Amino acid sequence: METLENKDLKRINGGGLSFLAALGIVAGVTFVVGAIDGFVRPQKCN
């Protein structure tokens, strides 16, 4: 097994999930759940 130095570790890319990607996934799930809830339980506007 090869031991990597600090400079080699800084050049490794990938495997991470950015904050904006996670925020987009959460927003998409929230929208889909809200749309399904609107079709299943329609309520009158006040």
N, C-alpha and C. Protein backbone atom coordinates (compact mmCIF):
# COMPACT_ATOMS: atom_id res chain seq x y z
N MET A 1 0.84 -1.17 0.00
CA MET A 1 0.00 0.00 0.00
C MET A 1 0.89 1.23 0.00
N GLU A 2 0.51 2.22 -0.79
CA GLU A 2 1.31 3.44 -0.91
C GLU A 2 0.78 4.51 0.04
N THR A 3 1.68 5.16 0.75
CA THR A 3 1.30 6.23 1.66
C THR A 3 1.28 7.55 0.88
N LEU A 4 0.16 8.28 0.96
CA LEU A 4 0.03 9.54 0.26
C LEU A 4 0.45 10.69 1.16
N GLU A 5 1.13 11.64 0.58
CA GLU A 5 1.52 12.83 1.33
C GLU A 5 0.40 13.86 1.26
N ASN A 6 0.55 14.92 2.03
CA ASN A 6 -0.49 15.94 2.14
C ASN A 6 -0.79 16.57 0.77
N LYS A 7 0.25 16.85 -0.03
CA LYS A 7 0.03 17.48 -1.34
C LYS A 7 -0.72 16.54 -2.28
N ASP A 8 -0.49 15.24 -2.15
CA ASP A 8 -1.21 14.27 -2.98
C ASP A 8 -2.67 14.17 -2.57
N LEU A 9 -2.94 14.28 -1.27
CA LEU A 9 -4.32 14.20 -0.79
C LEU A 9 -5.14 15.39 -1.25
N LYS A 10 -4.51 16.54 -1.41
CA LYS A 10 -5.24 17.75 -1.83
C LYS A 10 -5.66 17.67 -3.30
N ARG A 11 -5.02 16.81 -4.08
CA ARG A 11 -5.34 16.69 -5.51
C ARG A 11 -6.44 15.68 -5.79
N ILE A 12 -6.94 14.98 -4.79
CA ILE A 12 -7.98 13.97 -5.00
C ILE A 12 -9.33 14.66 -5.10
N ASN A 13 -10.08 14.34 -6.14
CA ASN A 13 -11.40 14.94 -6.37
C ASN A 13 -12.47 13.86 -6.32
N GLY A 14 -13.71 14.28 -6.03
CA GLY A 14 -14.85 13.39 -6.14
C GLY A 14 -15.35 12.89 -4.81
N GLY A 15 -16.54 12.33 -4.84
CA GLY A 15 -17.12 11.72 -3.67
C GLY A 15 -17.93 12.64 -2.79
N GLY A 16 -17.85 13.92 -3.02
CA GLY A 16 -18.56 14.87 -2.17
C GLY A 16 -19.88 15.30 -2.76
N LEU A 17 -20.75 15.78 -1.90
CA LEU A 17 -22.04 16.32 -2.33
C LEU A 17 -22.06 17.77 -1.92
N SER A 18 -22.16 18.66 -2.88
CA SER A 18 -22.11 20.09 -2.56
C SER A 18 -23.38 20.51 -1.83
N PHE A 19 -23.27 21.64 -1.17
CA PHE A 19 -24.41 22.18 -0.41
C PHE A 19 -25.57 22.49 -1.34
N LEU A 20 -25.28 23.06 -2.51
CA LEU A 20 -26.36 23.42 -3.44
C LEU A 20 -27.06 22.18 -4.00
N ALA A 21 -26.31 21.12 -4.23
CA ALA A 21 -26.93 19.88 -4.72
C ALA A 21 -27.85 19.29 -3.66
N ALA A 22 -27.40 19.28 -2.41
CA ALA A 22 -28.24 18.77 -1.32
C ALA A 22 -29.48 19.64 -1.15
N LEU A 23 -29.32 20.96 -1.26
CA LEU A 23 -30.45 21.87 -1.15
C LEU A 23 -31.45 21.66 -2.28
N GLY A 24 -30.95 21.39 -3.48
CA GLY A 24 -31.83 21.12 -4.62
C GLY A 24 -32.61 19.83 -4.45
N ILE A 25 -31.97 18.81 -3.92
CA ILE A 25 -32.65 17.54 -3.68
C ILE A 25 -33.76 17.72 -2.64
N VAL A 26 -33.45 18.44 -1.57
CA VAL A 26 -34.46 18.68 -0.52
C VAL A 26 -35.62 19.50 -1.07
N ALA A 27 -35.33 20.52 -1.88
CA ALA A 27 -36.39 21.34 -2.47
C ALA A 27 -37.26 20.51 -3.41
N GLY A 28 -36.65 19.63 -4.19
CA GLY A 28 -37.43 18.78 -5.10
C GLY A 28 -38.33 17.82 -4.36
N VAL A 29 -37.82 17.22 -3.30
CA VAL A 29 -38.64 16.29 -2.50
C VAL A 29 -39.80 17.04 -1.84
N THR A 30 -39.52 18.24 -1.32
CA THR A 30 -40.57 19.04 -0.69
C THR A 30 -41.66 19.40 -1.69
N PHE A 31 -41.27 19.76 -2.90
CA PHE A 31 -42.25 20.11 -3.93
C PHE A 31 -43.12 18.92 -4.31
N VAL A 32 -42.50 17.77 -4.50
CA VAL A 32 -43.24 16.58 -4.89
C VAL A 32 -44.22 16.17 -3.79
N VAL A 33 -43.78 16.21 -2.54
CA VAL A 33 -44.66 15.85 -1.43
C VAL A 33 -45.82 16.85 -1.35
N GLY A 34 -45.56 18.13 -1.55
CA GLY A 34 -46.63 19.14 -1.53
C GLY A 34 -47.61 18.96 -2.67
N ALA A 35 -47.12 18.61 -3.85
CA ALA A 35 -48.01 18.40 -4.99
C ALA A 35 -48.90 17.18 -4.77
N ILE A 36 -48.33 16.10 -4.26
CA ILE A 36 -49.13 14.91 -3.97
C ILE A 36 -50.16 15.21 -2.89
N ASP A 37 -49.76 15.94 -1.86
CA ASP A 37 -50.69 16.30 -0.79
C ASP A 37 -51.82 17.17 -1.33
N GLY A 38 -51.53 18.04 -2.28
CA GLY A 38 -52.57 18.89 -2.87
C GLY A 38 -53.58 18.10 -3.67
N PHE A 39 -53.16 17.05 -4.33
CA PHE A 39 -54.09 16.22 -5.10
C PHE A 39 -54.89 15.30 -4.18
N VAL A 40 -54.27 14.81 -3.12
CA VAL A 40 -54.94 13.85 -2.24
C VAL A 40 -55.90 14.55 -1.29
N ARG A 41 -55.49 15.70 -0.75
CA ARG A 41 -56.32 16.43 0.22
C ARG A 41 -56.56 17.87 -0.24
N PRO A 42 -57.36 18.10 -1.26
CA PRO A 42 -57.59 19.48 -1.72
C PRO A 42 -58.37 20.25 -0.65
N GLN A 43 -57.94 21.49 -0.41
CA GLN A 43 -58.60 22.35 0.58
C GLN A 43 -59.00 23.67 -0.10
N LYS A 44 -60.05 24.29 0.43
CA LYS A 44 -60.52 25.57 -0.10
C LYS A 44 -59.54 26.68 0.26
N CYS A 45 -59.48 27.67 -0.59
CA CYS A 45 -58.70 28.86 -0.28
C CYS A 45 -59.50 29.74 0.67
N ASN A 46 -58.83 30.32 1.63
CA ASN A 46 -59.53 31.19 2.59
C ASN A 46 -59.58 32.61 2.09
